[in-house]
PDB file of all heavy atoms in Angstrom:
ATOM      1  N   THR A   1      17.178  -4.062   2.418  1.00  0.00           N
ATOM      2  CA  THR A   1      18.343  -4.097   3.306  1.00  0.00           C
ATOM      3  C   THR A   1      19.552  -4.706   2.608  1.00  0.00           C
ATOM      4  O   THR A   1      20.674  -4.187   2.724  1.00  0.00           O
ATOM      5  CB  THR A   1      18.022  -4.882   4.583  1.00  0.00           C
ATOM      6  OG1 THR A   1      16.989  -4.193   5.293  1.00  0.00           O
ATOM      7  CG2 THR A   1      19.239  -5.022   5.476  1.00  0.00           C
ATOM      8  N   ILE A   2      19.346  -5.797   1.859  1.00  0.00           N
ATOM      9  CA  ILE A   2      20.514  -6.398   1.203  1.00  0.00           C
ATOM     10  C   ILE A   2      21.057  -5.498   0.095  1.00  0.00           C
ATOM     11  O   ILE A   2      22.264  -5.480  -0.160  1.00  0.00           O
ATOM     12  CB  ILE A   2      20.234  -7.819   0.670  1.00  0.00           C
ATOM     13  CG1 ILE A   2      19.118  -7.842  -0.350  1.00  0.00           C
ATOM     14  CG2 ILE A   2      19.954  -8.769   1.791  1.00  0.00           C
ATOM     15  CD1 ILE A   2      18.973  -9.209  -1.015  1.00  0.00           C
ATOM     16  N   THR A   3      20.192  -4.716  -0.543  1.00  0.00           N
ATOM     17  CA  THR A   3      20.668  -3.751  -1.540  1.00  0.00           C
ATOM     18  C   THR A   3      21.561  -2.720  -0.875  1.00  0.00           C
ATOM     19  O   THR A   3      22.645  -2.382  -1.384  1.00  0.00           O
ATOM     20  CB  THR A   3      19.491  -3.058  -2.233  1.00  0.00           C
ATOM     21  OG1 THR A   3      18.600  -4.035  -2.780  1.00  0.00           O
ATOM     22  CG2 THR A   3      19.965  -2.144  -3.341  1.00  0.00           C
ATOM     23  N   THR A   4      21.126  -2.216   0.279  1.00  0.00           N
ATOM     24  CA  THR A   4      21.927  -1.243   1.026  1.00  0.00           C
ATOM     25  C   THR A   4      23.271  -1.832   1.408  1.00  0.00           C
ATOM     26  O   THR A   4      24.320  -1.182   1.265  1.00  0.00           O
ATOM     27  CB  THR A   4      21.170  -0.805   2.283  1.00  0.00           C
ATOM     28  OG1 THR A   4      19.934  -0.192   1.909  1.00  0.00           O
ATOM     29  CG2 THR A   4      21.987   0.176   3.111  1.00  0.00           C
ATOM     30  N   ARG A   5      23.276  -3.078   1.877  1.00  0.00           N
ATOM     31  CA  ARG A   5      24.531  -3.700   2.303  1.00  0.00           C
ATOM     32  C   ARG A   5      25.460  -3.941   1.125  1.00  0.00           C
ATOM     33  O   ARG A   5      26.682  -3.808   1.244  1.00  0.00           O
ATOM     34  CB  ARG A   5      24.229  -4.999   3.050  1.00  0.00           C
ATOM     35  CG  ARG A   5      23.612  -4.734   4.416  1.00  0.00           C
ATOM     36  CD  ARG A   5      23.236  -5.987   5.180  1.00  0.00           C
ATOM     37  NE  ARG A   5      22.740  -5.627   6.510  1.00  0.00           N
ATOM     38  CZ  ARG A   5      22.194  -6.469   7.375  1.00  0.00           C
ATOM     39  NH1 ARG A   5      22.068  -7.757   7.048  1.00  0.00           N
ATOM     40  NH2 ARG A   5      21.774  -6.052   8.561  1.00  0.00           N
ATOM     41  N   ILE A   6      24.888  -4.287  -0.013  1.00  0.00           N
ATOM     42  CA  ILE A   6      25.701  -4.477  -1.217  1.00  0.00           C
ATOM     43  C   ILE A   6      26.344  -3.159  -1.646  1.00  0.00           C
ATOM     44  O   ILE A   6      27.538  -3.091  -1.957  1.00  0.00           O
ATOM     45  CB  ILE A   6      24.830  -5.076  -2.338  1.00  0.00           C
ATOM     46  CG1 ILE A   6      24.598  -6.570  -2.073  1.00  0.00           C
ATOM     47  CG2 ILE A   6      25.461  -4.863  -3.716  1.00  0.00           C
ATOM     48  CD1 ILE A   6      23.521  -7.190  -2.923  1.00  0.00           C
ATOM     49  N   LYS A   7      25.561  -2.092  -1.633  1.00  0.00           N
ATOM     50  CA  LYS A   7      26.118  -0.786  -1.993  1.00  0.00           C
ATOM     51  C   LYS A   7      27.179  -0.338  -0.997  1.00  0.00           C
ATOM     52  O   LYS A   7      28.232   0.186  -1.386  1.00  0.00           O
ATOM     53  CB  LYS A   7      24.984   0.237  -2.078  1.00  0.00           C
ATOM     54  CG  LYS A   7      24.040   0.038  -3.256  1.00  0.00           C
ATOM     55  CD  LYS A   7      22.924   1.074  -3.251  1.00  0.00           C
ATOM     56  CE  LYS A   7      22.018   0.929  -4.466  1.00  0.00           C
ATOM     57  NZ  LYS A   7      20.896   1.920  -4.462  1.00  0.00           N
ATOM     58  N   ASP A   8      26.910  -0.549   0.304  1.00  0.00           N
ATOM     59  CA  ASP A   8      27.869  -0.145   1.327  1.00  0.00           C
ATOM     60  C   ASP A   8      29.182  -0.921   1.200  1.00  0.00           C
ATOM     61  O   ASP A   8      30.241  -0.423   1.613  1.00  0.00           O
ATOM     62  CB  ASP A   8      27.279  -0.372   2.724  1.00  0.00           C
ATOM     63  CG  ASP A   8      26.170   0.607   3.063  1.00  0.00           C
ATOM     64  OD1 ASP A   8      26.019   1.615   2.344  1.00  0.00           O
ATOM     65  OD2 ASP A   8      25.447   0.361   4.048  1.00  0.00           O
ATOM     66  N   ALA A   9      29.124  -2.132   0.649  1.00  0.00           N
ATOM     67  CA  ALA A   9      30.321  -2.947   0.466  1.00  0.00           C
ATOM     68  C   ALA A   9      31.096  -2.568  -0.798  1.00  0.00           C
ATOM     69  O   ALA A   9      32.127  -3.188  -1.092  1.00  0.00           O
ATOM     70  CB  ALA A   9      29.941  -4.429   0.410  1.00  0.00           C
ATOM     71  N   GLY A  10      30.607  -1.588  -1.549  1.00  0.00           N
ATOM     72  CA  GLY A  10      31.287  -1.175  -2.769  1.00  0.00           C
ATOM     73  C   GLY A  10      31.079  -2.106  -3.941  1.00  0.00           C
ATOM     74  O   GLY A  10      31.773  -2.013  -4.957  1.00  0.00           O
ATOM     75  N   ILE A  11      30.125  -3.020  -3.816  1.00  0.00           N
ATOM     76  CA  ILE A  11      29.808  -3.938  -4.908  1.00  0.00           C
ATOM     77  C   ILE A  11      28.984  -3.185  -5.945  1.00  0.00           C
ATOM     78  O   ILE A  11      28.087  -2.408  -5.610  1.00  0.00           O
ATOM     79  CB  ILE A  11      29.038  -5.163  -4.373  1.00  0.00           C
ATOM     80  CG1 ILE A  11      29.888  -5.905  -3.331  1.00  0.00           C
ATOM     81  CG2 ILE A  11      28.640  -6.093  -5.495  1.00  0.00           C
ATOM     82  CD1 ILE A  11      29.136  -6.966  -2.553  1.00  0.00           C
ATOM     83  N   VAL A  12      29.279  -3.412  -7.206  1.00  0.00           N
ATOM     84  CA  VAL A  12      28.688  -2.649  -8.306  1.00  0.00           C
ATOM     85  C   VAL A  12      27.480  -3.407  -8.868  1.00  0.00           C
ATOM     86  O   VAL A  12      27.639  -4.504  -9.420  1.00  0.00           O
ATOM     87  CB  VAL A  12      29.727  -2.406  -9.413  1.00  0.00           C
ATOM     88  CG1 VAL A  12      29.094  -1.704 -10.605  1.00  0.00           C
ATOM     89  CG2 VAL A  12      30.895  -1.586  -8.858  1.00  0.00           C
ATOM     90  N   ILE A  13      26.303  -2.845  -8.733  1.00  0.00           N
ATOM     91  CA  ILE A  13      25.082  -3.487  -9.230  1.00  0.00           C
ATOM     92  C   ILE A  13      24.919  -3.166 -10.715  1.00  0.00           C
ATOM     93  O   ILE A  13      24.732  -2.010 -11.102  1.00  0.00           O
ATOM     94  CB  ILE A  13      23.844  -3.031  -8.440  1.00  0.00           C
ATOM     95  CG1 ILE A  13      23.999  -3.405  -6.961  1.00  0.00           C
ATOM     96  CG2 ILE A  13      22.573  -3.644  -9.022  1.00  0.00           C
ATOM     97  CD1 ILE A  13      22.897  -2.862  -6.060  1.00  0.00           C
ATOM     98  N   LEU A  14      25.003  -4.200 -11.547  1.00  0.00           N
ATOM     99  CA  LEU A  14      24.906  -4.020 -12.998  1.00  0.00           C
ATOM    100  C   LEU A  14      23.472  -3.837 -13.465  1.00  0.00           C
ATOM    101  O   LEU A  14      23.227  -3.159 -14.471  1.00  0.00           O
ATOM    102  CB  LEU A  14      25.501  -5.236 -13.709  1.00  0.00           C
ATOM    103  CG  LEU A  14      27.000  -5.484 -13.507  1.00  0.00           C
ATOM    104  CD1 LEU A  14      27.380  -6.836 -14.082  1.00  0.00           C
ATOM    105  CD2 LEU A  14      27.822  -4.373 -14.157  1.00  0.00           C
ATOM    106  N   GLY A  15      22.519  -4.472 -12.794  1.00  0.00           N
ATOM    107  CA  GLY A  15      21.125  -4.382 -13.225  1.00  0.00           C
ATOM    108  C   GLY A  15      20.308  -5.473 -12.586  1.00  0.00           C
ATOM    109  O   GLY A  15      20.748  -6.172 -11.665  1.00  0.00           O
ATOM    110  N   LYS A  16      19.072  -5.652 -13.101  1.00  0.00           N
ATOM    111  CA  LYS A  16      18.094  -6.567 -12.527  1.00  0.00           C
ATOM    112  C   LYS A  16      17.881  -7.754 -13.464  1.00  0.00           C
ATOM    113  O   LYS A  16      17.755  -7.593 -14.679  1.00  0.00           O
ATOM    114  CB  LYS A  16      16.759  -5.833 -12.302  1.00  0.00           C
ATOM    115  CG  LYS A  16      16.874  -4.528 -11.518  1.00  0.00           C
ATOM    116  CD  LYS A  16      17.434  -4.725 -10.126  1.00  0.00           C
ATOM    117  CE  LYS A  16      16.458  -5.418  -9.201  1.00  0.00           C
ATOM    118  NZ  LYS A  16      15.250  -4.624  -8.939  1.00  0.00           N
ATOM    119  N   THR A  17      17.801  -8.948 -12.873  1.00  0.00           N
ATOM    120  CA  THR A  17      17.743 -10.158 -13.681  1.00  0.00           C
ATOM    121  C   THR A  17      16.346 -10.760 -13.752  1.00  0.00           C
ATOM    122  O   THR A  17      15.517 -10.605 -12.861  1.00  0.00           O
ATOM    123  CB  THR A  17      18.717 -11.222 -13.146  1.00  0.00           C
ATOM    124  OG1 THR A  17      18.416 -11.482 -11.762  1.00  0.00           O
ATOM    125  CG2 THR A  17      20.149 -10.749 -13.282  1.00  0.00           C
ATOM    126  N   ASN A  18      16.137 -11.504 -14.831  1.00  0.00           N
ATOM    127  CA  ASN A  18      14.845 -12.134 -15.104  1.00  0.00           C
ATOM    128  C   ASN A  18      14.556 -13.243 -14.101  1.00  0.00           C
ATOM    129  O   ASN A  18      15.467 -13.816 -13.495  1.00  0.00           O
ATOM    130  CB  ASN A  18      14.856 -12.708 -16.532  1.00  0.00           C
ATOM    131  CG  ASN A  18      13.471 -13.034 -17.031  1.00  0.00           C
ATOM    132  OD1 ASN A  18      12.481 -12.449 -16.608  1.00  0.00           O
ATOM    133  ND2 ASN A  18      13.377 -13.981 -17.948  1.00  0.00           N
ATOM    134  N   MET A  19      13.275 -13.587 -13.948  1.00  0.00           N
ATOM    135  CA  MET A  19      12.860 -14.567 -12.959  1.00  0.00           C
ATOM    136  C   MET A  19      11.456 -15.056 -13.271  1.00  0.00           C
ATOM    137  O   MET A  19      10.702 -14.410 -13.999  1.00  0.00           O
ATOM    138  CB  MET A  19      12.863 -13.933 -11.564  1.00  0.00           C
ATOM    139  CG  MET A  19      11.976 -12.689 -11.448  1.00  0.00           C
ATOM    140  SD  MET A  19      11.965 -11.941  -9.810  1.00  0.00           S
ATOM    141  CE  MET A  19      10.941 -13.120  -8.918  1.00  0.00           C
ATOM    142  N   ASP A  20      11.100 -16.224 -12.715  1.00  0.00           N
ATOM    143  CA  ASP A  20       9.708 -16.643 -12.745  1.00  0.00           C
ATOM    144  C   ASP A  20       8.875 -15.638 -11.961  1.00  0.00           C
ATOM    145  O   ASP A  20       9.293 -15.151 -10.902  1.00  0.00           O
ATOM    146  CB  ASP A  20       9.556 -18.026 -12.099  1.00  0.00           C
ATOM    147  CG  ASP A  20      10.039 -19.149 -12.995  1.00  0.00           C
ATOM    148  OD1 ASP A  20       9.523 -19.263 -14.115  1.00  0.00           O
ATOM    149  OD2 ASP A  20      10.927 -19.916 -12.566  1.00  0.00           O
ATOM    150  N   GLU A  21       7.699 -15.327 -12.468  1.00  0.00           N
ATOM    151  CA  GLU A  21       6.841 -14.311 -11.862  1.00  0.00           C
ATOM    152  C   GLU A  21       6.612 -14.591 -10.379  1.00  0.00           C
ATOM    153  O   GLU A  21       6.195 -15.671  -9.989  1.00  0.00           O
ATOM    154  CB  GLU A  21       5.505 -14.275 -12.600  1.00  0.00           C
ATOM    155  CG  GLU A  21       4.582 -13.169 -12.117  1.00  0.00           C
ATOM    156  CD  GLU A  21       3.267 -13.145 -12.890  1.00  0.00           C
ATOM    157  OE1 GLU A  21       3.038 -14.047 -13.717  1.00  0.00           O
ATOM    158  OE2 GLU A  21       2.470 -12.223 -12.653  1.00  0.00           O
ATOM    159  N   PHE A  22       6.937 -13.581  -9.560  1.00  0.00           N
ATOM    160  CA  PHE A  22       6.831 -13.681  -8.106  1.00  0.00           C
ATOM    161  C   PHE A  22       7.547 -14.912  -7.559  1.00  0.00           C
ATOM    162  O   PHE A  22       7.156 -15.470  -6.534  1.00  0.00           O
ATOM    163  CB  PHE A  22       5.371 -13.639  -7.649  1.00  0.00           C
ATOM    164  CG  PHE A  22       4.765 -12.270  -7.752  1.00  0.00           C
ATOM    165  CD1 PHE A  22       3.889 -11.968  -8.788  1.00  0.00           C
ATOM    166  CD2 PHE A  22       5.092 -11.281  -6.845  1.00  0.00           C
ATOM    167  CE1 PHE A  22       3.345 -10.690  -8.899  1.00  0.00           C
ATOM    168  CE2 PHE A  22       4.555  -9.996  -6.952  1.00  0.00           C
ATOM    169  CZ  PHE A  22       3.680  -9.699  -7.983  1.00  0.00           C
ATOM    170  N   ALA A  23       8.600 -15.338  -8.250  1.00  0.00           N
ATOM    171  CA  ALA A  23       9.450 -16.462  -7.827  1.00  0.00           C
ATOM    172  C   ALA A  23       8.718 -17.797  -7.854  1.00  0.00           C
ATOM    173  O   ALA A  23       9.105 -18.730  -7.160  1.00  0.00           O
ATOM    174  CB  ALA A  23      10.043 -16.205  -6.430  1.00  0.00           C
ATOM    175  N   MET A  24       7.692 -17.908  -8.682  1.00  0.00           N
ATOM    176  CA  MET A  24       6.897 -19.131  -8.747  1.00  0.00           C
ATOM    177  C   MET A  24       7.251 -19.910 -10.005  1.00  0.00           C
ATOM    178  O   MET A  24       6.685 -19.689 -11.075  1.00  0.00           O
ATOM    179  CB  MET A  24       5.403 -18.792  -8.720  1.00  0.00           C
ATOM    180  CG  MET A  24       4.970 -18.070  -7.453  1.00  0.00           C
ATOM    181  SD  MET A  24       3.203 -17.727  -7.453  1.00  0.00           S
ATOM    182  CE  MET A  24       3.087 -16.613  -6.045  1.00  0.00           C
ATOM    183  N   GLY A  25       8.214 -20.835  -9.871  1.00  0.00           N
ATOM    184  CA  GLY A  25       8.588 -21.649 -11.012  1.00  0.00           C
ATOM    185  C   GLY A  25       9.975 -22.228 -10.862  1.00  0.00           C
ATOM    186  O   GLY A  25      10.756 -21.813  -9.991  1.00  0.00           O
ATOM    187  N   SER A  26      10.299 -23.175 -11.728  1.00  0.00           N
ATOM    188  CA  SER A  26      11.589 -23.857 -11.694  1.00  0.00           C
ATOM    189  C   SER A  26      12.333 -23.748 -13.015  1.00  0.00           C
ATOM    190  O   SER A  26      13.285 -24.498 -13.248  1.00  0.00           O
ATOM    191  CB  SER A  26      11.379 -25.346 -11.359  1.00  0.00           C
ATOM    192  OG  SER A  26      10.730 -25.498 -10.126  1.00  0.00           O
ATOM    193  N   SER A  27      11.910 -22.831 -13.884  1.00  0.00           N
ATOM    194  CA  SER A  27      12.530 -22.774 -15.210  1.00  0.00           C
ATOM    195  C   SER A  27      12.699 -21.359 -15.760  1.00  0.00           C
ATOM    196  O   SER A  27      13.289 -21.176 -16.815  1.00  0.00           O
ATOM    197  CB  SER A  27      11.681 -23.570 -16.210  1.00  0.00           C
ATOM    198  OG  SER A  27      10.413 -22.964 -16.375  1.00  0.00           O
ATOM    199  N   THR A  28      12.171 -20.352 -15.074  1.00  0.00           N
ATOM    200  CA  THR A  28      12.145 -18.954 -15.515  1.00  0.00           C
ATOM    201  C   THR A  28      11.290 -18.769 -16.765  1.00  0.00           C
ATOM    202  O   THR A  28      11.291 -17.710 -17.382  1.00  0.00           O
ATOM    203  CB  THR A  28      13.568 -18.388 -15.697  1.00  0.00           C
ATOM    204  OG1 THR A  28      14.334 -18.720 -14.512  1.00  0.00           O
ATOM    205  CG2 THR A  28      13.607 -16.881 -15.810  1.00  0.00           C
ATOM    206  N   GLU A  29      10.526 -19.792 -17.132  1.00  0.00           N
ATOM    207  CA  GLU A  29       9.597 -19.653 -18.253  1.00  0.00           C
ATOM    208  C   GLU A  29       8.320 -18.938 -17.850  1.00  0.00           C
ATOM    209  O   GLU A  29       7.516 -18.577 -18.711  1.00  0.00           O
ATOM    210  CB  GLU A  29       9.258 -21.032 -18.819  1.00  0.00           C
ATOM    211  CG  GLU A  29      10.427 -21.719 -19.492  1.00  0.00           C
ATOM    212  CD  GLU A  29      10.119 -23.161 -19.844  1.00  0.00           C
ATOM    213  OE1 GLU A  29      10.026 -23.999 -18.915  1.00  0.00           O
ATOM    214  OE2 GLU A  29       9.956 -23.443 -21.045  1.00  0.00           O
ATOM    215  N   ASN A  30       8.102 -18.731 -16.561  1.00  0.00           N
ATOM    216  CA  ASN A  30       6.911 -18.030 -16.094  1.00  0.00           C
ATOM    217  C   ASN A  30       7.109 -16.527 -15.996  1.00  0.00           C
ATOM    218  O   ASN A  30       6.233 -15.824 -15.492  1.00  0.00           O
ATOM    219  CB  ASN A  30       6.473 -18.570 -14.723  1.00  0.00           C
ATOM    220  CG  ASN A  30       5.972 -19.998 -14.803  1.00  0.00           C
ATOM    221  OD1 ASN A  30       5.350 -20.397 -15.779  1.00  0.00           O
ATOM    222  ND2 ASN A  30       6.268 -20.788 -13.777  1.00  0.00           N
ATOM    223  N   SER A  31       8.242 -16.022 -16.445  1.00  0.00           N
ATOM    224  CA  SER A  31       8.427 -14.572 -16.508  1.00  0.00           C
ATOM    225  C   SER A  31       7.413 -13.959 -17.456  1.00  0.00           C
ATOM    226  O   SER A  31       7.104 -14.518 -18.513  1.00  0.00           O
ATOM    227  CB  SER A  31       9.832 -14.244 -17.004  1.00  0.00           C
ATOM    228  OG  SER A  31       9.957 -12.867 -17.290  1.00  0.00           O
ATOM    229  N   ALA A  32       6.920 -12.786 -17.093  1.00  0.00           N
ATOM    230  CA  ALA A  32       5.984 -12.078 -17.964  1.00  0.00           C
ATOM    231  C   ALA A  32       6.692 -11.354 -19.104  1.00  0.00           C
ATOM    232  O   ALA A  32       6.014 -10.794 -19.981  1.00  0.00           O
ATOM    233  CB  ALA A  32       5.177 -11.073 -17.144  1.00  0.00           C
ATOM    234  N   TYR A  33       8.026 -11.368 -19.131  1.00  0.00           N
ATOM    235  CA  TYR A  33       8.752 -10.502 -20.045  1.00  0.00           C
ATOM    236  C   TYR A  33       9.561 -11.227 -21.123  1.00  0.00           C
ATOM    237  O   TYR A  33       9.546 -10.819 -22.281  1.00  0.00           O
ATOM    238  CB  TYR A  33       9.683  -9.578 -19.243  1.00  0.00           C
ATOM    239  CG  TYR A  33       8.920  -8.658 -18.331  1.00  0.00           C
ATOM    240  CD1 TYR A  33       8.793  -8.951 -16.981  1.00  0.00           C
ATOM    241  CD2 TYR A  33       8.275  -7.523 -18.822  1.00  0.00           C
ATOM    242  CE1 TYR A  33       8.068  -8.116 -16.134  1.00  0.00           C
ATOM    243  CE2 TYR A  33       7.547  -6.688 -17.994  1.00  0.00           C
ATOM    244  CZ  TYR A  33       7.440  -6.996 -16.650  1.00  0.00           C
ATOM    245  OH  TYR A  33       6.710  -6.185 -15.817  1.00  0.00           O
ATOM    246  N   GLN A  34      10.302 -12.266 -20.768  1.00  0.00           N
ATOM    247  CA  GLN A  34      11.184 -12.861 -21.766  1.00  0.00           C
ATOM    248  C   GLN A  34      11.637 -14.232 -21.300  1.00  0.00           C
ATOM    249  O   GLN A  34      11.485 -14.598 -20.133  1.00  0.00           O
ATOM    250  CB  GLN A  34      12.422 -11.976 -21.992  1.00  0.00           C
ATOM    251  CG  GLN A  34      13.312 -11.848 -20.754  1.00  0.00           C
ATOM    252  CD  GLN A  34      14.377 -10.784 -20.907  1.00  0.00           C
ATOM    253  OE1 GLN A  34      14.137  -9.720 -21.478  1.00  0.00           O
ATOM    254  NE2 GLN A  34      15.567 -11.058 -20.386  1.00  0.00           N
ATOM    255  N   LEU A  35      12.202 -14.979 -22.225  1.00  0.00           N
ATOM    256  CA  LEU A  35      12.834 -16.254 -21.900  1.00  0.00           C
ATOM    257  C   LEU A  35      14.282 -16.011 -21.501  1.00  0.00           C
ATOM    258  O   LEU A  35      14.958 -15.136 -22.057  1.00  0.00           O
ATOM    259  CB  LEU A  35      12.815 -17.198 -23.105  1.00  0.00           C
ATOM    260  CG  LEU A  35      11.536 -17.969 -23.407  1.00  0.00           C
ATOM    261  CD1 LEU A  35      11.739 -18.792 -24.684  1.00  0.00           C
ATOM    262  CD2 LEU A  35      11.141 -18.869 -22.241  1.00  0.00           C
ATOM    263  N   THR A  36      14.764 -16.795 -20.566  1.00  0.00           N
ATOM    264  CA  THR A  36      16.185 -16.837 -20.265  1.00  0.00           C
ATOM    265  C   THR A  36      16.693 -18.224 -20.649  1.00  0.00           C
ATOM    266  O   THR A  36      16.022 -19.231 -20.397  1.00  0.00           O
ATOM    267  CB  THR A  36      16.442 -16.574 -18.773  1.00  0.00           C
ATOM    268  OG1 THR A  36      15.966 -15.266 -18.442  1.00  0.00           O
ATOM    269  CG2 THR A  36      17.932 -16.658 -18.452  1.00  0.00           C
ATOM    270  N   ARG A  37      17.869 -18.271 -21.253  1.00  0.00           N
ATOM    271  CA  ARG A  37      18.412 -19.530 -21.762  1.00  0.00           C
ATOM    272  C   ARG A  37      19.639 -19.961 -20.962  1.00  0.00           C
ATOM    273  O   ARG A  37      20.382 -19.129 -20.442  1.00  0.00           O
ATOM    274  CB  ARG A  37      18.770 -19.386 -23.249  1.00  0.00           C
ATOM    275  CG  ARG A  37      17.569 -19.017 -24.113  1.00  0.00           C
ATOM    276  CD  ARG A  37      17.944 -18.793 -25.564  1.00  0.00           C
ATOM    277  NE  ARG A  37      16.772 -18.371 -26.335  1.00  0.00           N
ATOM    278  CZ  ARG A  37      15.903 -19.208 -26.872  1.00  0.00           C
ATOM    279  NH1 ARG A  37      16.084 -20.516 -26.751  1.00  0.00           N
ATOM    280  NH2 ARG A  37      14.862 -18.753 -27.555  1.00  0.00           N
ATOM    281  N   ASN A  38      19.840 -21.252 -20.883  1.00  0.00           N
ATOM    282  CA  ASN A  38      20.981 -21.813 -20.179  1.00  0.00           C
ATOM    283  C   ASN A  38      22.234 -21.643 -21.041  1.00  0.00           C
ATOM    284  O   ASN A  38      22.278 -22.127 -22.181  1.00  0.00           O
ATOM    285  CB  ASN A  38      20.734 -23.300 -19.908  1.00  0.00           C
ATOM    286  CG  ASN A  38      21.743 -23.905 -18.958  1.00  0.00           C
ATOM    287  OD1 ASN A  38      22.918 -23.568 -18.971  1.00  0.00           O
ATOM    288  ND2 ASN A  38      21.272 -24.822 -18.119  1.00  0.00           N
ATOM    289  N   PRO A  39      23.267 -20.969 -20.547  1.00  0.00           N
ATOM    290  CA  PRO A  39      24.463 -20.758 -21.370  1.00  0.00           C
ATOM    291  C   PRO A  39      25.160 -22.048 -21.800  1.00  0.00           C
ATOM    292  O   PRO A  39      25.921 -22.033 -22.775  1.00  0.00           O
ATOM    293  CB  PRO A  39      25.365 -19.923 -20.458  1.00  0.00           C
ATOM    294  CG  PRO A  39      24.421 -19.217 -19.546  1.00  0.00           C
ATOM    295  CD  PRO A  39      23.320 -20.210 -19.288  1.00  0.00           C
ATOM    296  N   TRP A  40      24.932 -23.166 -21.109  1.00  0.00           N
ATOM    297  CA  TRP A  40      25.516 -24.443 -21.525  1.00  0.00           C
ATOM    298  C   TRP A  40      24.853 -24.994 -22.781  1.00  0.00           C
ATOM    299  O   TRP A  40      25.483 -25.702 -23.563  1.00  0.00           O
ATOM    300  CB  TRP A  40      25.392 -25.474 -20.401  1.00  0.00           C
ATOM    301  CG  TRP A  40      26.305 -25.226 -19.255  1.00  0.00           C
ATOM    302  CD1 TRP A  40      26.090 -24.368 -18.208  1.00  0.00           C
ATOM    303  CD2 TRP A  40      27.586 -25.808 -19.032  1.00  0.00           C
ATOM    304  NE1 TRP A  40      27.158 -24.388 -17.351  1.00  0.00           N
ATOM    305  CE2 TRP A  40      28.086 -25.269 -17.826  1.00  0.00           C
ATOM    306  CE3 TRP A  40      28.351 -26.748 -19.731  1.00  0.00           C
ATOM    307  CZ2 TRP A  40      29.337 -25.635 -17.310  1.00  0.00           C
ATOM    308  CZ3 TRP A  40      29.584 -27.112 -19.216  1.00  0.00           C
ATOM    309  CH2 TRP A  40      30.067 -26.557 -18.032  1.00  0.00           C
TER     310      TRP A  40
END
C-alpha cells in the first residue's frame, strides 16, 4: 500500500536498500548480501 501511495504521489523510487535480515538487527551487519557503511 505504501508503494502505491508513493507512486501515486509522483515520488520517484530509485531502488531497494540494504537491511538486517527480516529487520532483525541494529547495525545492518545481519544482511545476507553486503555491508552498509556509515557515511560519517
